[in-house]
Amino acid sequence: MVENRPFQTFLTHLILILGVAVVVFPVYVAFIASTQAPGTFLRGVIPMTPGAHMVENYSAMLGTGLRRAGAPPIAGQMFNSLVMALGITIGKIAISLLSAFAIVYFRFPFRIFFFWVIFMTLMLPVEVRIFPTYQVIVDLGMLNSYAGLTIPLIASATATFLFRQFFMTIPEELMEAARVDGAGPMKFFKDIMLPLSITNIAALFVIMFIYGWNQYLWPLLITTDTDYFTVVMGIQRMANAAETDPQWQLVMAAVVLAALPPVLVILFMQRLFVKGLTETEK
């Protein structure tokens, strides 16, 4: 029997509503600020209702950008960020699936050792190995290219570990049944393991996409051509320029536009994302 406790229910919902308000309010302020006239920020008071310059501000950011700040139109930067985020995400998932499958289902010498070598790379983030990685990219002639933006970041010990743990929960009888039916390793992987891994892939897709979209240090290091600037780089340049040339309404418009793709990814994949994080049995 479930007890009906109205006060506890009310308190729970109140805490949830307050939590959502704390998270959403800065986003709402950014959106309101992006619709205001150029001088609104200088007056020190920001209205709480949308202004009349929304179309003008967003059109300026998508069409011309802030050339004085060295930031091209944000549409091109968002495309670069999208290519980088998708490249990193798809690359991480593909490599991690195959490496985890090999570690679990193939018997070869030192396979556990190699897994722990992969796992220990978690202690070596991009910032630690950034200079040797940069030198490799220079030697390969991959500066100012999409390959240079994505390839050095596609290896993922985290995803390999998570897929390995999931593959270890699959009954061995399933593999034996596939073998009796004449399925080779790759057919077993494609027809059985991939469909079973959909929720895990979706959860990792959301996490890795946001990771790739928010990258700042690596693109800043290897791109000098404005045609390859990412949206995070563009926002940083515009924020610095706003100190001398106050165009905060345009900066806020860029921030709102930059937040849309990750939000849309989360909304469209929310059900699979939550299922992939909470499901323990298939």
C-alpha atoms as a PDB file:
ATOM      1  CA  MET A   1       0.000   0.000   0.000  1.00  0.00           C
ATOM      2  CA  VAL A   2       1.337   3.403  -1.022  1.00  0.00           C
ATOM      3  CA  GLU A   3       0.771   6.153   1.514  1.00  0.00           C
ATOM      4  CA  ASN A   4      -0.677   9.431   0.338  1.00  0.00           C
ATOM      5  CA  ARG A   5       1.355  12.246   1.833  1.00  0.00           C
ATOM      6  CA  PRO A   6       0.210  15.525   0.262  1.00  0.00           C
ATOM      7  CA  PHE A   7       2.757  17.678   2.088  1.00  0.00           C
ATOM      8  CA  GLN A   8       5.729  15.575   0.975  1.00  0.00           C
ATOM      9  CA  THR A   9       4.407  15.533  -2.585  1.00  0.00           C
ATOM     10  CA  PHE A  10       3.994  19.307  -2.536  1.00  0.00           C
ATOM     11  CA  LEU A  11       7.473  19.803  -1.059  1.00  0.00           C
ATOM     12  CA  THR A  12       9.043  17.515  -3.653  1.00  0.00           C
ATOM     13  CA  HIS A  13       7.407  19.353  -6.525  1.00  0.00           C
ATOM     14  CA  LEU A  14       8.328  22.710  -5.021  1.00  0.00           C
ATOM     15  CA  ILE A  15      11.997  21.742  -4.803  1.00  0.00           C
ATOM     16  CA  LEU A  16      11.936  20.483  -8.391  1.00  0.00           C
ATOM     17  CA  ILE A  17      10.293  23.681  -9.633  1.00  0.00           C
ATOM     18  CA  LEU A  18      12.830  25.835  -7.773  1.00  0.00           C
ATOM     19  CA  GLY A  19      15.674  23.760  -9.217  1.00  0.00           C
ATOM     20  CA  VAL A  20      14.347  24.169 -12.755  1.00  0.00           C
ATOM     21  CA  ALA A  21      13.899  27.914 -12.196  1.00  0.00           C
ATOM     22  CA  VAL A  22      17.504  28.292 -11.031  1.00  0.00           C
ATOM     23  CA  VAL A  23      18.748  26.495 -14.151  1.00  0.00           C
ATOM     24  CA  VAL A  24      16.401  28.130 -16.668  1.00  0.00           C
ATOM     25  CA  PHE A  25      16.497  31.736 -15.410  1.00  0.00           C
ATOM     26  CA  PRO A  26      20.014  32.573 -16.736  1.00  0.00           C
ATOM     27  CA  VAL A  27      19.015  31.138 -20.115  1.00  0.00           C
ATOM     28  CA  TYR A  28      15.876  33.270 -20.094  1.00  0.00           C
ATOM     29  CA  VAL A  29      17.904  36.373 -19.228  1.00  0.00           C
ATOM     30  CA  ALA A  30      20.301  35.616 -22.102  1.00  0.00           C
ATOM     31  CA  PHE A  31      17.387  35.303 -24.518  1.00  0.00           C
ATOM     32  CA  ILE A  32      15.800  38.550 -23.288  1.00  0.00           C
ATOM     33  CA  ALA A  33      19.144  40.331 -23.569  1.00  0.00           C
ATOM     34  CA  SER A  34      19.556  39.087 -27.142  1.00  0.00           C
ATOM     35  CA  THR A  35      16.387  40.907 -28.208  1.00  0.00           C
ATOM     36  CA  GLN A  36      17.294  44.341 -26.828  1.00  0.00           C
ATOM     37  CA  ALA A  37      18.688  47.509 -28.436  1.00  0.00           C
ATOM     38  CA  PRO A  38      22.477  48.146 -28.382  1.00  0.00           C
ATOM     39  CA  GLY A  39      22.434  50.581 -25.459  1.00  0.00           C
ATOM     40  CA  THR A  40      20.278  48.547 -23.083  1.00  0.00           C
ATOM     41  CA  PHE A  41      23.179  46.933 -21.215  1.00  0.00           C
ATOM     42  CA  LEU A  42      24.877  50.290 -20.659  1.00  0.00           C
ATOM     43  CA  ARG A  43      21.911  51.518 -18.633  1.00  0.00           C
ATOM     44  CA  GLY A  44      22.494  48.784 -16.050  1.00  0.00           C
ATOM     45  CA  VAL A  45      18.887  47.494 -16.096  1.00  0.00           C
ATOM     46  CA  ILE A  46      17.717  44.617 -18.284  1.00  0.00           C
ATOM     47  CA  PRO A  47      13.970  44.312 -18.920  1.00  0.00           C
ATOM     48  CA  MET A  48      12.312  40.965 -18.234  1.00  0.00           C
ATOM     49  CA  THR A  49      10.251  41.012 -21.439  1.00  0.00           C
ATOM     50  CA  PRO A  50      11.526  40.488 -25.006  1.00  0.00           C
ATOM     51  CA  GLY A  51      12.571  43.589 -26.925  1.00  0.00           C
ATOM     52  CA  ALA A  52      11.814  44.656 -30.474  1.00  0.00           C
ATOM     53  CA  HIS A  53      15.240  43.886 -31.966  1.00  0.00           C
ATOM     54  CA  MET A  54      15.170  40.098 -31.976  1.00  0.00           C
ATOM     55  CA  VAL A  55      15.073  39.629 -35.760  1.00  0.00           C
ATOM     56  CA  GLU A  56      17.682  42.338 -36.272  1.00  0.00           C
ATOM     57  CA  ASN A  57      20.145  40.913 -33.749  1.00  0.00           C
ATOM     58  CA  TYR A  58      19.842  37.283 -34.811  1.00  0.00           C
ATOM     59  CA  SER A  59      20.035  38.212 -38.495  1.00  0.00           C
ATOM     60  CA  ALA A  60      23.206  40.197 -37.811  1.00  0.00           C
ATOM     61  CA  MET A  61      24.850  37.265 -36.048  1.00  0.00           C
ATOM     62  CA  LEU A  62      23.852  34.733 -38.704  1.00  0.00           C
ATOM     63  CA  GLY A  63      24.652  37.016 -41.643  1.00  0.00           C
ATOM     64  CA  THR A  64      27.595  39.246 -40.786  1.00  0.00           C
ATOM     65  CA  GLY A  65      28.887  38.391 -37.320  1.00  0.00           C
ATOM     66  CA  LEU A  66      31.248  40.749 -35.526  1.00  0.00           C
ATOM     67  CA  ARG A  67      34.027  41.384 -38.004  1.00  0.00           C
ATOM     68  CA  ARG A  68      35.666  43.928 -35.696  1.00  0.00           C
ATOM     69  CA  ALA A  69      36.068  41.180 -33.109  1.00  0.00           C
ATOM     70  CA  GLY A  70      37.525  38.789 -35.659  1.00  0.00           C
ATOM     71  CA  ALA A  71      34.386  36.636 -35.469  1.00  0.00           C
ATOM     72  CA  PRO A  72      32.817  35.633 -38.817  1.00  0.00           C
ATOM     73  CA  PRO A  73      29.071  34.936 -39.147  1.00  0.00           C
ATOM     74  CA  ILE A  74      27.975  32.446 -36.528  1.00  0.00           C
ATOM     75  CA  ALA A  75      26.227  30.208 -39.069  1.00  0.00           C
ATOM     76  CA  GLY A  76      29.591  29.056 -40.426  1.00  0.00           C
ATOM     77  CA  GLN A  77      31.000  28.620 -36.928  1.00  0.00           C
ATOM     78  CA  MET A  78      28.005  26.506 -35.915  1.00  0.00           C
ATOM     79  CA  PHE A  79      28.519  24.336 -38.980  1.00  0.00           C
ATOM     80  CA  ASN A  80      32.177  23.832 -38.006  1.00  0.00           C
ATOM     81  CA  SER A  81      31.158  22.958 -34.451  1.00  0.00           C
ATOM     82  CA  LEU A  82      28.529  20.545 -35.788  1.00  0.00           C
ATOM     83  CA  VAL A  83      31.074  18.784 -38.027  1.00  0.00           C
ATOM     84  CA  MET A  84      33.526  18.589 -35.127  1.00  0.00           C
ATOM     85  CA  ALA A  85      30.936  17.338 -32.626  1.00  0.00           C
ATOM     86  CA  LEU A  86      29.498  14.706 -34.990  1.00  0.00           C
ATOM     87  CA  GLY A  87      32.955  13.577 -36.095  1.00  0.00           C
ATOM     88  CA  ILE A  88      34.144  13.168 -32.511  1.00  0.00           C
ATOM     89  CA  THR A  89      30.908  11.474 -31.414  1.00  0.00           C
ATOM     90  CA  ILE A  90      30.640   8.982 -34.266  1.00  0.00           C
ATOM     91  CA  GLY A  91      34.370   8.253 -34.147  1.00  0.00           C
ATOM     92  CA  LYS A  92      34.372   7.657 -30.391  1.00  0.00           C
ATOM     93  CA  ILE A  93      31.356   5.356 -30.507  1.00  0.00           C
ATOM     94  CA  ALA A  94      32.617   3.355 -33.514  1.00  0.00           C
ATOM     95  CA  ILE A  95      36.117   2.818 -32.134  1.00  0.00           C
ATOM     96  CA  SER A  96      34.854   2.082 -28.627  1.00  0.00           C
ATOM     97  CA  LEU A  97      32.298  -0.472 -29.849  1.00  0.00           C
ATOM     98  CA  LEU A  98      34.881  -2.366 -31.866  1.00  0.00           C
ATOM     99  CA  SER A  99      37.587  -2.244 -29.185  1.00  0.00           C
ATOM    100  CA  ALA A 100      35.189  -3.366 -26.442  1.00  0.00           C
ATOM    101  CA  PHE A 101      33.855  -6.167 -28.676  1.00  0.00           C
ATOM    102  CA  ALA A 102      37.402  -7.365 -29.383  1.00  0.00           C
ATOM    103  CA  ILE A 103      38.376  -7.305 -25.695  1.00  0.00           C
ATOM    104  CA  VAL A 104      35.308  -9.274 -24.575  1.00  0.00           C
ATOM    105  CA  TYR A 105      34.799 -11.805 -27.369  1.00  0.00           C
ATOM    106  CA  PHE A 106      38.276 -12.475 -28.762  1.00  0.00           C
ATOM    107  CA  ARG A 107      40.865 -14.487 -26.886  1.00  0.00           C
ATOM    108  CA  PHE A 108      44.321 -13.081 -27.605  1.00  0.00           C
ATOM    109  CA  PRO A 109      47.436 -12.627 -25.451  1.00  0.00           C
ATOM    110  CA  PHE A 110      47.500  -9.651 -23.078  1.00  0.00           C
ATOM    111  CA  ARG A 111      43.935  -8.570 -23.879  1.00  0.00           C
ATOM    112  CA  ILE A 112      43.274  -7.615 -20.241  1.00  0.00           C
ATOM    113  CA  PHE A 113      46.578  -5.748 -20.163  1.00  0.00           C
ATOM    114  CA  PHE A 114      45.624  -3.781 -23.267  1.00  0.00           C
ATOM    115  CA  PHE A 115      42.239  -2.978 -21.752  1.00  0.00           C
ATOM    116  CA  TRP A 116      43.897  -1.534 -18.644  1.00  0.00           C
ATOM    117  CA  VAL A 117      46.296   0.462 -20.833  1.00  0.00           C
ATOM    118  CA  ILE A 118      43.248   1.960 -22.564  1.00  0.00           C
ATOM    119  CA  PHE A 119      41.546   2.555 -19.209  1.00  0.00           C
ATOM    120  CA  MET A 120      44.606   4.317 -17.748  1.00  0.00           C
ATOM    121  CA  THR A 121      44.461   6.922 -20.507  1.00  0.00           C
ATOM    122  CA  LEU A 122      41.584   8.424 -18.513  1.00  0.00           C
ATOM    123  CA  MET A 123      44.341   9.977 -16.412  1.00  0.00           C
ATOM    124  CA  LEU A 124      45.722  11.733 -19.513  1.00  0.00           C
ATOM    125  CA  PRO A 125      43.216  14.370 -20.644  1.00  0.00           C
ATOM    126  CA  VAL A 126      43.724  16.457 -23.773  1.00  0.00           C
ATOM    127  CA  GLU A 127      45.419  19.246 -21.819  1.00  0.00           C
ATOM    128  CA  VAL A 128      48.181  16.904 -20.595  1.00  0.00           C
ATOM    129  CA  ARG A 129      49.106  15.578 -24.046  1.00  0.00           C
ATOM    130  CA  ILE A 130      48.240  18.648 -26.066  1.00  0.00           C
ATOM    131  CA  PHE A 131      51.760  19.609 -27.164  1.00  0.00           C
ATOM    132  CA  PRO A 132      52.824  16.210 -28.572  1.00  0.00           C
ATOM    133  CA  THR A 133      49.382  15.872 -30.178  1.00  0.00           C
ATOM    134  CA  TYR A 134      49.781  19.302 -31.748  1.00  0.00           C
ATOM    135  CA  GLN A 135      53.212  18.342 -33.098  1.00  0.00           C
ATOM    136  CA  VAL A 136      51.760  15.220 -34.710  1.00  0.00           C
ATOM    137  CA  ILE A 137      49.006  17.270 -36.347  1.00  0.00           C
ATOM    138  CA  VAL A 138      51.575  19.772 -37.660  1.00  0.00           C
ATOM    139  CA  ASP A 139      53.757  16.991 -39.069  1.00  0.00           C
ATOM    140  CA  LEU A 140      50.750  15.467 -40.829  1.00  0.00           C
ATOM    141  CA  GLY A 141      49.708  18.828 -42.287  1.00  0.00           C
ATOM    142  CA  MET A 142      46.295  18.777 -40.636  1.00  0.00           C
ATOM    143  CA  LEU A 143      46.181  22.324 -39.250  1.00  0.00           C
ATOM    144  CA  ASN A 144      43.076  24.290 -40.274  1.00  0.00           C
ATOM    145  CA  SER A 145      41.153  21.184 -41.305  1.00  0.00           C
ATOM    146  CA  TYR A 146      38.185  19.189 -40.100  1.00  0.00           C
ATOM    147  CA  ALA A 147      40.424  16.131 -39.764  1.00  0.00           C
ATOM    148  CA  GLY A 148      42.671  18.047 -37.389  1.00  0.00           C
ATOM    149  CA  LEU A 149      39.676  19.138 -35.343  1.00  0.00           C
ATOM    150  CA  THR A 150      38.225  15.659 -34.915  1.00  0.00           C
ATOM    151  CA  ILE A 151      40.757  12.808 -35.287  1.00  0.00           C
ATOM    152  CA  PRO A 152      42.927  13.592 -32.210  1.00  0.00           C
ATOM    153  CA  LEU A 153      39.836  13.524 -29.957  1.00  0.00           C
ATOM    154  CA  ILE A 154      37.991  10.435 -31.151  1.00  0.00           C
ATOM    155  CA  ALA A 155      39.641   7.861 -28.876  1.00  0.00           C
ATOM    156  CA  SER A 156      37.587   7.311 -25.702  1.00  0.00           C
ATOM    157  CA  ALA A 157      38.554   5.105 -22.768  1.00  0.00           C
ATOM    158  CA  THR A 158      35.259   5.955 -21.041  1.00  0.00           C
ATOM    159  CA  ALA A 159      33.095   4.670 -23.882  1.00  0.00           C
ATOM    160  CA  THR A 160      35.278   1.569 -24.287  1.00  0.00           C
ATOM    161  CA  PHE A 161      34.889   0.783 -20.599  1.00  0.00           C
ATOM    162  CA  LEU A 162      31.104   1.262 -20.651  1.00  0.00           C
ATOM    163  CA  PHE A 163      30.620  -0.905 -23.750  1.00  0.00           C
ATOM    164  CA  ARG A 164      32.900  -3.587 -22.299  1.00  0.00           C
ATOM    165  CA  GLN A 165      30.849  -3.696 -19.108  1.00  0.00           C
ATOM    166  CA  PHE A 166      27.642  -4.014 -21.120  1.00  0.00           C
ATOM    167  CA  PHE A 167      29.012  -6.719 -23.436  1.00  0.00           C
ATOM    168  CA  MET A 168      30.047  -8.748 -20.391  1.00  0.00           C
ATOM    169  CA  THR A 169      26.377  -8.915 -19.319  1.00  0.00           C
ATOM    170  CA  ILE A 170      25.349 -10.629 -22.590  1.00  0.00           C
ATOM    171  CA  PRO A 171      24.893 -14.384 -21.999  1.00  0.00           C
ATOM    172  CA  GLU A 172      27.531 -16.536 -23.689  1.00  0.00           C
ATOM    173  CA  GLU A 173      24.731 -18.796 -24.879  1.00  0.00           C
ATOM    174  CA  LEU A 174      23.713 -16.049 -27.305  1.00  0.00           C
ATOM    175  CA  MET A 175      27.143 -16.112 -28.904  1.00  0.00           C
ATOM    176  CA  GLU A 176      27.134 -19.906 -29.044  1.00  0.00           C
ATOM    177  CA  ALA A 177      23.695 -19.915 -30.699  1.00  0.00           C
ATOM    178  CA  ALA A 178      24.902 -17.427 -33.313  1.00  0.00           C
ATOM    179  CA  ARG A 179      27.978 -19.563 -33.947  1.00  0.00           C
ATOM    180  CA  VAL A 180      25.819 -22.677 -34.435  1.00  0.00           C
ATOM    181  CA  ASP A 181      23.734 -20.758 -36.975  1.00  0.00           C
ATOM    182  CA  GLY A 182      26.909 -19.995 -38.919  1.00  0.00           C
ATOM    183  CA  ALA A 183      27.277 -16.332 -37.940  1.00  0.00           C
ATOM    184  CA  GLY A 184      30.837 -15.030 -37.989  1.00  0.00           C
ATOM    185  CA  PRO A 185      32.182 -12.495 -35.477  1.00  0.00           C
ATOM    186  CA  MET A 186      31.227  -9.401 -37.489  1.00  0.00           C
ATOM    187  CA  LYS A 187      27.761 -10.728 -38.331  1.00  0.00           C
ATOM    188  CA  PHE A 188      27.209 -11.475 -34.648  1.00  0.00           C
ATOM    189  CA  PHE A 189      28.389  -7.953 -33.856  1.00  0.00           C
ATOM    190  CA  LYS A 190      26.220  -6.293 -36.513  1.00  0.00           C
ATOM    191  CA  ASP A 191      23.006  -8.298 -36.147  1.00  0.00           C
ATOM    192  CA  ILE A 192      22.948  -8.947 -32.402  1.00  0.00           C
ATOM    193  CA  MET A 193      25.301  -6.722 -30.415  1.00  0.00           C
ATOM    194  CA  LEU A 194      24.553  -3.436 -32.172  1.00  0.00           C
ATOM    195  CA  PRO A 195      20.737  -3.661 -31.761  1.00  0.00           C
ATOM    196  CA  LEU A 196      21.191  -4.553 -28.098  1.00  0.00           C
ATOM    197  CA  SER A 197      23.496  -1.562 -27.626  1.00  0.00           C
ATOM    198  CA  ILE A 198      21.140   1.088 -29.030  1.00  0.00           C
ATOM    199  CA  THR A 199      20.248   2.650 -25.670  1.00  0.00           C
ATOM    200  CA  ASN A 200      23.904   2.738 -24.578  1.00  0.00           C
ATOM    201  CA  ILE A 201      24.893   4.277 -27.896  1.00  0.00           C
ATOM    202  CA  ALA A 202      22.178   6.925 -27.540  1.00  0.00           C
ATOM    203  CA  ALA A 203      23.284   7.855 -24.020  1.00  0.00           C
ATOM    204  CA  LEU A 204      26.919   8.125 -25.096  1.00  0.00           C
ATOM    205  CA  PHE A 205      25.925  10.031 -28.247  1.00  0.00           C
ATOM    206  CA  VAL A 206      24.365  12.810 -26.169  1.00  0.00           C
ATOM    207  CA  ILE A 207      27.333  13.003 -23.789  1.00  0.00           C
ATOM    208  CA  MET A 208      29.973  12.901 -26.525  1.00  0.00           C
ATOM    209  CA  PHE A 209      28.122  15.379 -28.748  1.00  0.00           C
ATOM    210  CA  ILE A 210      28.043  17.955 -25.972  1.00  0.00           C
ATOM    211  CA  TYR A 211      31.714  17.218 -25.222  1.00  0.00           C
ATOM    212  CA  GLY A 212      32.665  17.838 -28.858  1.00  0.00           C
ATOM    213  CA  TRP A 213      30.418  20.882 -29.243  1.00  0.00           C
ATOM    214  CA  ASN A 214      31.916  22.602 -26.183  1.00  0.00           C
ATOM    215  CA  GLN A 215      35.556  22.064 -27.166  1.00  0.00           C
ATOM    216  CA  TYR A 216      37.546  25.290 -26.933  1.00  0.00           C
ATOM    217  CA  LEU A 217      41.253  24.725 -26.237  1.00  0.00           C
ATOM    218  CA  TRP A 218      41.979  22.287 -29.056  1.00  0.00           C
ATOM    219  CA  PRO A 219      40.241  24.284 -31.846  1.00  0.00           C
ATOM    220  CA  LEU A 220      41.885  27.445 -30.530  1.00  0.00           C
ATOM    221  CA  LEU A 221      45.296  25.813 -30.862  1.00  0.00           C
ATOM    222  CA  ILE A 222      45.078  24.332 -34.346  1.00  0.00           C
ATOM    223  CA  THR A 223      42.908  26.857 -36.232  1.00  0.00           C
ATOM    224  CA  THR A 224      44.154  30.204 -37.486  1.00  0.00           C
ATOM    225  CA  ASP A 225      41.842  30.415 -40.493  1.00  0.00           C
ATOM    226  CA  THR A 226      38.496  32.010 -39.647  1.00  0.00           C
ATOM    227  CA  ASP A 227      36.785  29.519 -41.972  1.00  0.00           C
ATOM    228  CA  TYR A 228      37.464  26.817 -39.363  1.00  0.00           C
ATOM    229  CA  PHE A 229      36.555  28.748 -36.197  1.00  0.00           C
ATOM    230  CA  THR A 230      34.059  26.990 -33.932  1.00  0.00           C
ATOM    231  CA  VAL A 231      31.161  28.714 -32.223  1.00  0.00           C
ATOM    232  CA  VAL A 232      32.775  28.590 -28.768  1.00  0.00           C
ATOM    233  CA  MET A 233      35.844  30.370 -30.154  1.00  0.00           C
ATOM    234  CA  GLY A 234      33.615  32.970 -31.778  1.00  0.00           C
ATOM    235  CA  ILE A 235      31.733  33.700 -28.554  1.00  0.00           C
ATOM    236  CA  GLN A 236      35.002  34.131 -26.653  1.00  0.00           C
ATOM    237  CA  ARG A 237      36.300  36.604 -29.247  1.00  0.00           C
ATOM    238  CA  MET A 238      33.046  38.551 -29.211  1.00  0.00           C
ATOM    239  CA  ALA A 239      33.005  38.687 -25.407  1.00  0.00           C
ATOM    240  CA  ASN A 240      36.537  40.104 -25.381  1.00  0.00           C
ATOM    241  CA  ALA A 241      35.660  42.687 -28.024  1.00  0.00           C
ATOM    242  CA  ALA A 242      32.536  43.732 -26.104  1.00  0.00           C
ATOM    243  CA  GLU A 243      34.762  45.247 -23.431  1.00  0.00           C
ATOM    244  CA  THR A 244      35.756  48.009 -25.859  1.00  0.00           C
ATOM    245  CA  ASP A 245      32.867  47.833 -28.327  1.00  0.00           C
ATOM    246  CA  PRO A 246      29.753  47.025 -26.266  1.00  0.00           C
ATOM    247  CA  GLN A 247      27.571  44.792 -28.418  1.00  0.00           C
ATOM    248  CA  TRP A 248      26.335  42.500 -25.673  1.00  0.00           C
ATOM    249  CA  GLN A 249      22.976  41.967 -27.317  1.00  0.00           C
ATOM    250  CA  LEU A 250      24.780  40.314 -30.237  1.00  0.00           C
ATOM    251  CA  VAL A 251      26.952  38.251 -27.905  1.00  0.00           C
ATOM    252  CA  MET A 252      23.832  37.002 -26.121  1.00  0.00           C
ATOM    253  CA  ALA A 253      22.230  36.170 -29.477  1.00  0.00           C
ATOM    254  CA  ALA A 254      25.300  34.096 -30.321  1.00  0.00           C
ATOM    255  CA  VAL A 255      25.099  32.348 -26.942  1.00  0.00           C
ATOM    256  CA  VAL A 256      21.434  31.421 -27.473  1.00  0.00           C
ATOM    257  CA  LEU A 257      22.114  30.136 -30.989  1.00  0.00           C
ATOM    258  CA  ALA A 258      25.107  28.113 -29.754  1.00  0.00           C
ATOM    259  CA  ALA A 259      22.977  26.466 -27.057  1.00  0.00           C
ATOM    260  CA  LEU A 260      20.282  25.280 -29.476  1.00  0.00           C
ATOM    261  CA  PRO A 261      21.963  22.198 -31.074  1.00  0.00           C
ATOM    262  CA  PRO A 262      22.885  20.487 -27.764  1.00  0.00           C
ATOM    263  CA  VAL A 263      19.424  21.217 -26.387  1.00  0.00           C
ATOM    264  CA  LEU A 264      17.762  19.771 -29.492  1.00  0.00           C
ATOM    265  CA  VAL A 265      19.937  16.647 -29.315  1.00  0.00           C
ATOM    266  CA  ILE A 266      18.935  16.121 -25.677  1.00  0.00           C
ATOM    267  CA  LEU A 267      15.237  16.694 -26.407  1.00  0.00           C
ATOM    268  CA  PHE A 268      15.100  14.317 -29.369  1.00  0.00           C
ATOM    269  CA  MET A 269      17.114  11.586 -27.637  1.00  0.00           C
ATOM    270  CA  GLN A 270      15.858  12.111 -24.092  1.00  0.00           C
ATOM    271  CA  ARG A 271      13.993   8.810 -23.804  1.00  0.00           C
ATOM    272  CA  LEU A 272      16.871   6.691 -25.111  1.00  0.00           C
ATOM    273  CA  PHE A 273      19.369   8.760 -23.112  1.00  0.00           C
ATOM    274  CA  VAL A 274      17.619   8.139 -19.800  1.00  0.00           C
ATOM    275  CA  LYS A 275      16.996   4.488 -20.672  1.00  0.00           C
ATOM    276  CA  GLY A 276      20.661   3.987 -21.524  1.00  0.00           C
ATOM    277  CA  LEU A 277      21.780   5.433 -18.198  1.00  0.00           C
ATOM    278  CA  THR A 278      19.294   3.521 -16.036  1.00  0.00           C
ATOM    279  CA  GLU A 279      18.735   0.200 -17.781  1.00  0.00           C
ATOM    280  CA  THR A 280      20.728  -2.636 -16.261  1.00  0.00           C
ATOM    281  CA  GLU A 281      19.235  -5.673 -17.988  1.00  0.00           C
ATOM    282  CA  LYS A 282      18.380  -6.269 -21.608  1.00  0.00           C
END
